[in-house]
């Protein structure tokens, strides 16, 4: 048996052991809860009971509310995954975390709304906004990235940090600081809701949430295939491995960076439209965009499937935690729970679920 086969077998064995340990741990945890409940240790009103038993009893008593919570978490998770996708694309191409992705979401949405306010038809404003994001990508490549080729990653990160505050200032000067209303109906995005009777109650599905989930899923799947199966995708992975090696085989860093930043701009525009349709378009959206950080920690900074899985975990985890544990731990759990989940993952799997382990020999 070859060394490669041995390593694959060993890796598979370790994966099976981890799966057995996780399943065994869950089973033991449930058995322990049953025993403690039957022996009277976990009585109603006891803080341990309230944390470890009562929420699961609430889920069993109201399955329709559980489905509603899961649905809202799934929609939020898909939108988180869409935001994280923008980070993943730029990280794969430059090896740096793009701090400006959050403000790019806001800037794209404000540009769309601002152009419509000038009397430009909605879909023409959408096309012009795509053009603006292309010009932004071109400007970032020419003025920021090109002078910093082969510089340390911290320099590139600080450059995106500076870009963030430049776009904040530019956006406030052009559009003002007041929240704007997204042109949902003009873009033919659906309004209203479906009330579906199930599990002894009603579950409400907002039409805009369904549209957001479908559009985001299509975009994520399309980009995943594009960057995995096409020549540009292979060139992007080569650039991510080594700028010098990519240059030596004739790959143009400038073209790759423009393509990637433009794609991230399109993703930012789609994200801004979807989040803006669910709430107002304001600079507060960039805070929501930073939720992509725990998503990336869970899924891995270079993995598009990881962005999807991490987004769903964070979205569903936030909603479940807010609805079932929020009354006990206090309101606002949704604002910090994602970072706690990310911290736990960092302790046990720093590279994320789909990230690659980096082994350095010294």
Protein backbone atom coordinates (compact mmCIF):
# COMPACT_ATOMS: atom_id res chain seq x y z
CA UNK A 1 0.00 0.00 0.00
CA UNK A 2 1.38 3.42 -0.98
CA UNK A 3 2.07 6.23 1.48
CA UNK A 4 -0.78 8.24 -0.03
CA UNK A 5 -3.22 5.38 0.44
CA UNK A 6 -2.02 4.88 3.99
CA UNK A 7 -2.53 8.58 4.74
CA UNK A 8 -6.03 8.48 3.24
CA UNK A 9 -6.90 5.38 5.26
CA UNK A 10 -5.51 6.95 8.41
CA UNK A 11 -7.46 10.15 7.76
CA UNK A 12 -10.67 8.19 7.17
CA UNK A 13 -10.09 6.22 10.36
CA UNK A 14 -9.60 9.39 12.36
CA UNK A 15 -12.77 10.83 10.82
CA UNK A 16 -14.73 7.71 11.80
CA UNK A 17 -13.37 7.90 15.34
CA UNK A 18 -14.40 11.54 15.65
CA UNK A 19 -17.90 10.75 14.34
CA UNK A 20 -18.25 7.86 16.85
CA UNK A 21 -17.04 10.06 19.70
CA UNK A 22 -19.46 12.86 18.79
CA UNK A 23 -22.45 10.51 18.47
CA UNK A 24 -21.44 8.70 21.66
CA UNK A 25 -21.10 11.99 23.51
CA UNK A 26 -24.57 13.10 22.40
CA UNK A 27 -26.10 9.78 23.45
CA UNK A 28 -24.41 9.91 26.85
CA UNK A 29 -25.54 13.52 27.32
CA UNK A 30 -29.18 12.61 26.57
CA UNK A 31 -29.02 9.56 28.86
CA UNK A 32 -27.55 11.69 31.63
CA UNK A 33 -30.38 14.22 31.26
CA UNK A 34 -32.97 11.43 31.46
CA UNK A 35 -31.37 9.93 34.58
CA UNK A 36 -31.02 13.31 36.30
CA UNK A 37 -34.62 14.20 35.47
CA UNK A 38 -35.98 10.90 36.77
CA UNK A 39 -33.97 11.12 39.99
CA UNK A 40 -35.27 14.61 40.72
CA UNK A 41 -31.95 16.40 40.39
CA UNK A 42 -33.30 18.48 37.50
CA UNK A 43 -36.50 19.89 38.93
CA UNK A 44 -38.50 22.62 37.21
CA UNK A 45 -37.23 26.01 38.32
CA UNK A 46 -33.71 24.71 38.83
CA UNK A 47 -31.24 26.73 36.74
CA UNK A 48 -29.70 23.53 35.33
CA UNK A 49 -33.19 22.35 34.34
CA UNK A 50 -33.94 25.70 32.72
CA UNK A 51 -30.78 25.56 30.64
CA UNK A 52 -30.53 21.90 29.66
CA UNK A 53 -34.10 20.55 29.81
CA UNK A 54 -36.75 23.24 29.50
CA UNK A 55 -35.75 24.53 26.03
CA UNK A 56 -35.97 21.02 24.56
CA UNK A 57 -39.33 20.49 26.22
CA UNK A 58 -40.52 23.74 24.64
CA UNK A 59 -39.37 22.47 21.25
CA UNK A 60 -41.35 19.25 21.73
CA UNK A 61 -44.47 21.11 22.93
CA UNK A 62 -44.47 23.56 20.01
CA UNK A 63 -43.12 21.87 16.88
CA UNK A 64 -44.68 24.56 14.67
CA UNK A 65 -42.70 27.26 16.52
CA UNK A 66 -39.57 25.15 16.13
CA UNK A 67 -40.10 24.93 12.36
CA UNK A 68 -40.71 28.69 12.21
CA UNK A 69 -37.48 29.33 14.11
CA UNK A 70 -35.52 26.91 11.93
CA UNK A 71 -36.86 28.55 8.77
CA UNK A 72 -35.92 32.05 9.89
CA UNK A 73 -32.51 30.79 10.93
CA UNK A 74 -32.03 29.05 7.58
CA UNK A 75 -32.84 32.24 5.64
CA UNK A 76 -30.49 34.29 7.81
CA UNK A 77 -27.84 31.61 7.44
CA UNK A 78 -28.05 31.61 3.64
CA UNK A 79 -27.65 35.40 3.61
CA UNK A 80 -24.67 35.11 5.98
CA UNK A 81 -23.20 32.57 3.59
CA UNK A 82 -23.66 35.03 0.71
CA UNK A 83 -21.78 37.71 2.67
CA UNK A 84 -19.06 35.23 3.61
CA UNK A 85 -18.68 34.25 -0.03
CA UNK A 86 -17.37 37.73 -0.81
CA UNK A 87 -14.73 37.34 1.88
CA UNK A 88 -13.78 33.85 0.64
CA UNK A 89 -13.29 34.98 -2.97
CA UNK A 90 -10.90 37.79 -2.04
CA UNK A 91 -9.07 35.70 0.56
CA UNK A 92 -8.51 32.94 -2.00
CA UNK A 93 -7.04 35.45 -4.45
CA UNK A 94 -4.89 37.55 -2.11
CA UNK A 95 -4.61 35.59 1.13
CA UNK A 96 -5.95 38.51 3.16
CA UNK A 97 -9.18 39.11 5.04
CA UNK A 98 -11.08 41.89 3.24
CA UNK A 99 -12.33 44.13 6.03
CA UNK A 100 -14.06 46.33 3.43
CA UNK A 101 -16.60 43.69 2.34
CA UNK A 102 -19.16 44.93 4.85
CA UNK A 103 -19.10 48.52 3.64
CA UNK A 104 -19.13 47.27 0.03
CA UNK A 105 -22.55 45.75 0.81
CA UNK A 106 -23.79 49.11 2.10
CA UNK A 107 -22.17 51.14 -0.68
CA UNK A 108 -23.66 48.94 -3.42
CA UNK A 109 -27.17 49.10 -1.92
CA UNK A 110 -26.96 52.88 -1.39
CA UNK A 111 -25.77 53.36 -4.98
CA UNK A 112 -28.74 51.41 -6.31
CA UNK A 113 -31.25 53.33 -4.21
CA UNK A 114 -29.53 56.66 -4.91
CA UNK A 115 -29.59 56.16 -8.70
CA UNK A 116 -33.28 55.24 -8.55
CA UNK A 117 -33.97 58.40 -6.52
CA UNK A 118 -32.49 60.43 -9.40
CA UNK A 119 -35.28 59.15 -11.65
CA UNK A 120 -33.40 56.30 -13.30
CA UNK A 121 -35.55 53.17 -13.90
CA UNK A 122 -34.91 50.38 -11.41
CA UNK A 123 -33.25 47.84 -13.71
CA UNK A 124 -31.17 50.49 -15.45
CA UNK A 125 -30.08 51.65 -11.98
CA UNK A 126 -29.20 48.02 -11.20
CA UNK A 127 -27.05 47.78 -14.35
CA UNK A 128 -25.35 51.10 -13.56
CA UNK A 129 -24.66 49.92 -10.00
CA UNK A 130 -22.95 46.82 -11.41
CA UNK A 131 -20.84 49.20 -13.50
CA UNK A 132 -19.97 51.21 -10.39
CA UNK A 133 -18.82 48.02 -8.63
CA UNK A 134 -16.63 47.21 -11.64
CA UNK A 135 -15.04 50.67 -11.47
CA UNK A 136 -14.51 50.14 -7.73
CA UNK A 137 -12.78 46.80 -8.41
CA UNK A 138 -10.61 48.43 -11.07
CA UNK A 139 -9.71 51.29 -8.75
CA UNK A 140 -8.84 48.96 -5.87
CA UNK A 141 -6.56 46.93 -8.14
CA UNK A 142 -4.81 49.95 -9.65
CA UNK A 143 -4.47 52.14 -6.56
CA UNK A 144 -4.30 49.64 -3.66
CA UNK A 145 -3.31 46.12 -4.67
CA UNK A 146 -0.88 46.67 -7.54
CA UNK A 147 1.57 48.77 -5.45
CA UNK A 148 1.42 46.14 -2.67
CA UNK A 149 2.28 42.97 -4.61
CA UNK A 150 4.32 40.55 -2.44
CA UNK A 151 3.95 42.76 0.63
CA UNK A 152 3.13 41.10 3.99
CA UNK A 153 -0.49 40.12 4.55
CA UNK A 154 -0.87 42.65 7.39
CA UNK A 155 -0.13 45.45 4.91
CA UNK A 156 -2.89 44.26 2.59
CA UNK A 157 -5.26 43.90 5.53
CA UNK A 158 -4.58 47.46 6.68
CA UNK A 159 -5.16 48.62 3.10
CA UNK A 160 -8.67 47.09 3.16
CA UNK A 161 -9.18 48.67 6.57
CA UNK A 162 -8.37 52.07 5.09
CA UNK A 163 -10.61 51.34 2.10
CA UNK A 164 -13.48 50.73 4.52
CA UNK A 165 -13.30 54.19 6.02
CA UNK A 166 -12.79 55.77 2.60
CA UNK A 167 -16.04 54.18 1.37
CA UNK A 168 -17.85 55.19 4.56
CA UNK A 169 -16.84 58.82 4.07
CA UNK A 170 -17.59 58.75 0.34
CA UNK A 171 -20.99 57.16 0.96
CA UNK A 172 -21.95 59.71 3.60
CA UNK A 173 -20.91 62.60 1.35
CA UNK A 174 -22.87 61.29 -1.66
CA UNK A 175 -25.89 59.64 -0.07
CA UNK A 176 -26.09 61.12 3.42
CA UNK A 177 -26.34 59.24 6.68
CA UNK A 178 -30.10 58.66 6.83
CA UNK A 179 -31.53 55.17 6.25
CA UNK A 180 -32.99 54.51 2.79
CA UNK A 181 -35.82 52.23 1.66
CA UNK A 182 -34.84 49.45 -0.71
CA UNK A 183 -36.70 49.49 -4.06
CA UNK A 184 -38.16 46.05 -3.50
CA UNK A 185 -41.33 46.32 -5.56
CA UNK A 186 -39.56 48.10 -8.43
CA UNK A 187 -37.20 45.11 -8.73
CA UNK A 188 -40.25 42.80 -8.72
CA UNK A 189 -39.23 41.14 -5.46
CA UNK A 190 -42.29 39.56 -3.84
CA UNK A 191 -44.08 40.93 -0.79
CA UNK A 192 -46.50 39.31 1.64
CA UNK A 193 -46.37 35.88 3.23
CA UNK A 194 -47.64 32.32 3.06
CA UNK A 195 -49.33 30.91 6.17
CA UNK A 196 -48.96 27.14 6.09
CA UNK A 197 -50.84 24.94 8.54
CA UNK A 198 -48.58 22.22 9.93
CA UNK A 199 -47.75 20.38 13.15
CA UNK A 200 -50.82 21.67 14.95
CA UNK A 201 -50.21 25.34 14.17
CA UNK A 202 -49.30 27.81 11.46
CA UNK A 203 -45.85 28.53 10.04
CA UNK A 204 -45.37 31.85 8.23
CA UNK A 205 -43.06 32.00 5.23
CA UNK A 206 -42.31 35.55 4.09
CA UNK A 207 -42.17 35.70 0.29
CA UNK A 208 -39.10 37.98 0.36
CA UNK A 209 -37.33 35.40 2.56
CA UNK A 210 -38.12 32.64 0.08
CA UNK A 211 -36.83 34.79 -2.79
CA UNK A 212 -33.71 35.72 -0.82
CA UNK A 213 -32.95 32.09 0.00
CA UNK A 214 -33.45 30.96 -3.62
CA UNK A 215 -31.41 33.79 -5.18
CA UNK A 216 -28.60 33.45 -2.64
CA UNK A 217 -28.48 29.68 -3.11
CA UNK A 218 -28.31 30.01 -6.90
CA UNK A 219 -25.53 32.61 -6.67
CA UNK A 220 -23.49 30.54 -4.23
CA UNK A 221 -23.88 27.37 -6.32
CA UNK A 222 -23.02 29.17 -9.57
CA UNK A 223 -19.91 30.80 -8.15
CA UNK A 224 -18.82 27.54 -6.54
CA UNK A 225 -18.98 25.73 -9.89
CA UNK A 226 -17.37 28.66 -11.74
CA UNK A 227 -14.35 28.88 -9.48
CA UNK A 228 -13.93 25.11 -9.18
CA UNK A 229 -14.36 24.07 -12.82
CA UNK A 230 -13.14 26.96 -14.97
CA UNK A 231 -9.74 28.23 -16.07
CA UNK A 232 -10.22 31.42 -14.04
CA UNK A 233 -10.92 29.33 -10.96
CA UNK A 234 -7.70 27.39 -11.40
CA UNK A 235 -5.78 30.63 -11.93
CA UNK A 236 -7.34 32.03 -8.77
CA UNK A 237 -6.15 29.04 -6.74
CA UNK A 238 -2.66 29.44 -8.19
CA UNK A 239 -2.60 33.12 -7.18
CA UNK A 240 -3.75 32.19 -3.69
CA UNK A 241 -0.87 29.70 -3.32
CA UNK A 242 1.90 32.06 -4.46
CA UNK A 243 1.94 35.40 -6.24
CA UNK A 244 5.46 34.79 -7.56
CA UNK A 245 4.67 31.30 -8.83
CA UNK A 246 1.51 32.56 -10.56
CA UNK A 247 3.47 35.34 -12.25
CA UNK A 248 6.14 32.86 -13.38
CA UNK A 249 3.59 30.80 -15.34
CA UNK A 250 2.03 33.83 -17.02
CA UNK A 251 -1.00 34.43 -14.80
CA UNK A 252 -1.90 38.13 -14.60
CA UNK A 253 -2.41 39.17 -11.00
CA UNK A 254 -4.07 42.37 -12.16
CA UNK A 255 -6.76 40.57 -14.17
CA UNK A 256 -7.43 38.02 -11.44
CA UNK A 257 -7.75 40.69 -8.77
CA UNK A 258 -10.13 42.79 -10.88
CA UNK A 259 -12.29 39.73 -11.62
CA UNK A 260 -12.36 38.65 -7.98
CA UNK A 261 -13.08 42.11 -6.56
CA UNK A 262 -15.76 42.68 -9.20
CA UNK A 263 -17.35 39.33 -8.34
CA UNK A 264 -17.20 40.23 -4.64
CA UNK A 265 -18.89 43.53 -5.58
CA UNK A 266 -21.72 41.66 -7.34
CA UNK A 267 -22.12 39.47 -4.26
CA UNK A 268 -22.15 42.61 -2.10
CA UNK A 269 -24.86 44.15 -4.30
CA UNK A 270 -27.06 41.03 -4.07
CA UNK A 271 -26.52 40.92 -0.31
CA UNK A 272 -27.38 44.60 0.05
CA UNK A 273 -30.59 44.16 -1.93
CA UNK A 274 -31.72 41.16 0.13
CA UNK A 275 -30.83 42.59 3.53
CA UNK A 276 -32.19 46.00 2.50
CA UNK A 277 -35.49 44.39 1.48
CA UNK A 278 -35.79 42.91 4.98
CA UNK A 279 -34.88 46.21 6.67
CA UNK A 280 -33.73 49.71 5.75
CA UNK A 281 -30.52 50.38 3.84
CA UNK A 282 -28.14 52.10 6.22
CA UNK A 283 -24.54 52.00 7.37
CA UNK A 284 -25.64 49.66 10.18
CA UNK A 285 -25.70 46.85 7.60
CA UNK A 286 -21.91 46.68 7.70
CA UNK A 287 -22.17 45.38 11.28
CA UNK A 288 -24.36 42.52 10.02
CA UNK A 289 -21.75 41.83 7.36
CA UNK A 290 -19.13 41.25 10.05
CA UNK A 291 -21.14 38.18 11.07
CA UNK A 292 -19.30 36.60 8.17
CA UNK A 293 -16.21 36.33 10.40
CA UNK A 294 -17.61 33.53 12.62
CA UNK A 295 -19.07 31.94 9.48
CA UNK A 296 -15.59 31.84 7.95
CA UNK A 297 -14.09 30.45 11.15
CA UNK A 298 -16.59 27.60 11.07
CA UNK A 299 -16.37 26.82 7.38
CA UNK A 300 -12.78 27.73 6.58
CA UNK A 301 -11.44 30.88 4.96
CA UNK A 302 -10.80 29.22 1.58
CA UNK A 303 -13.87 27.01 1.23
CA UNK A 304 -17.02 28.00 -0.66
CA UNK A 305 -18.97 24.95 0.65
CA UNK A 306 -17.64 25.89 4.09
CA UNK A 307 -19.20 29.35 3.75
CA UNK A 308 -22.56 27.70 3.06
CA UNK A 309 -22.40 25.24 5.96
CA UNK A 310 -20.95 27.82 8.35
CA UNK A 311 -23.64 30.34 7.43
CA UNK A 312 -26.45 27.85 8.07
CA UNK A 313 -24.93 26.80 11.41
CA UNK A 314 -24.61 30.42 12.56
CA UNK A 315 -28.04 31.46 11.28
CA UNK A 316 -29.93 28.55 12.79
CA UNK A 317 -27.86 28.64 16.00
CA UNK A 318 -28.63 32.33 16.53
CA UNK A 319 -32.38 31.93 16.09
CA UNK A 320 -32.60 28.80 18.23
CA UNK A 321 -30.52 30.45 20.96
CA UNK A 322 -32.51 33.69 20.87
CA UNK A 323 -35.92 32.02 20.96
CA UNK A 324 -35.34 29.21 23.45
CA UNK A 325 -32.45 30.40 25.62
CA UNK A 326 -32.93 34.16 25.23
CA UNK A 327 -35.50 34.51 28.04
CA UNK A 328 -33.06 32.86 30.45
CA UNK A 329 -29.80 34.48 29.35
CA UNK A 330 -31.27 37.87 28.50
CA UNK A 331 -32.22 39.55 25.26
CA UNK A 332 -29.55 40.25 22.71
CA UNK A 333 -28.10 36.73 22.67
CA UNK A 334 -28.37 36.88 18.87
CA UNK A 335 -25.72 39.61 18.74
CA UNK A 336 -22.97 37.56 20.46
CA UNK A 337 -23.84 33.88 20.17
CA UNK A 338 -22.19 33.55 16.74
CA UNK A 339 -18.85 34.64 18.15
CA UNK A 340 -19.13 32.18 21.05
CA UNK A 341 -19.79 29.35 18.57
CA UNK A 342 -16.77 30.49 16.56
CA UNK A 343 -14.61 30.54 19.72
CA UNK A 344 -15.56 26.93 20.49
CA UNK A 345 -14.63 25.90 16.95
CA UNK A 346 -11.30 27.71 17.23
CA UNK A 347 -10.45 25.65 20.30
CA UNK A 348 -11.07 22.29 18.61
CA UNK A 349 -10.67 22.89 14.87
CA UNK A 350 -8.89 26.19 14.12
CA UNK A 351 -8.84 25.60 10.34
CA UNK A 352 -12.64 25.25 10.17
CA UNK A 353 -14.81 22.37 9.03
CA UNK A 354 -13.61 22.49 5.43
CA UNK A 355 -10.32 24.30 5.85
CA UNK A 356 -6.98 22.68 5.13
CA UNK A 357 -4.55 21.89 7.89
CA UNK A 358 -1.29 23.73 7.43
CA UNK A 359 1.71 21.65 8.46
CA UNK A 360 5.04 23.41 8.63
CA UNK A 361 8.23 21.35 8.98
CA UNK A 362 11.09 23.00 10.80
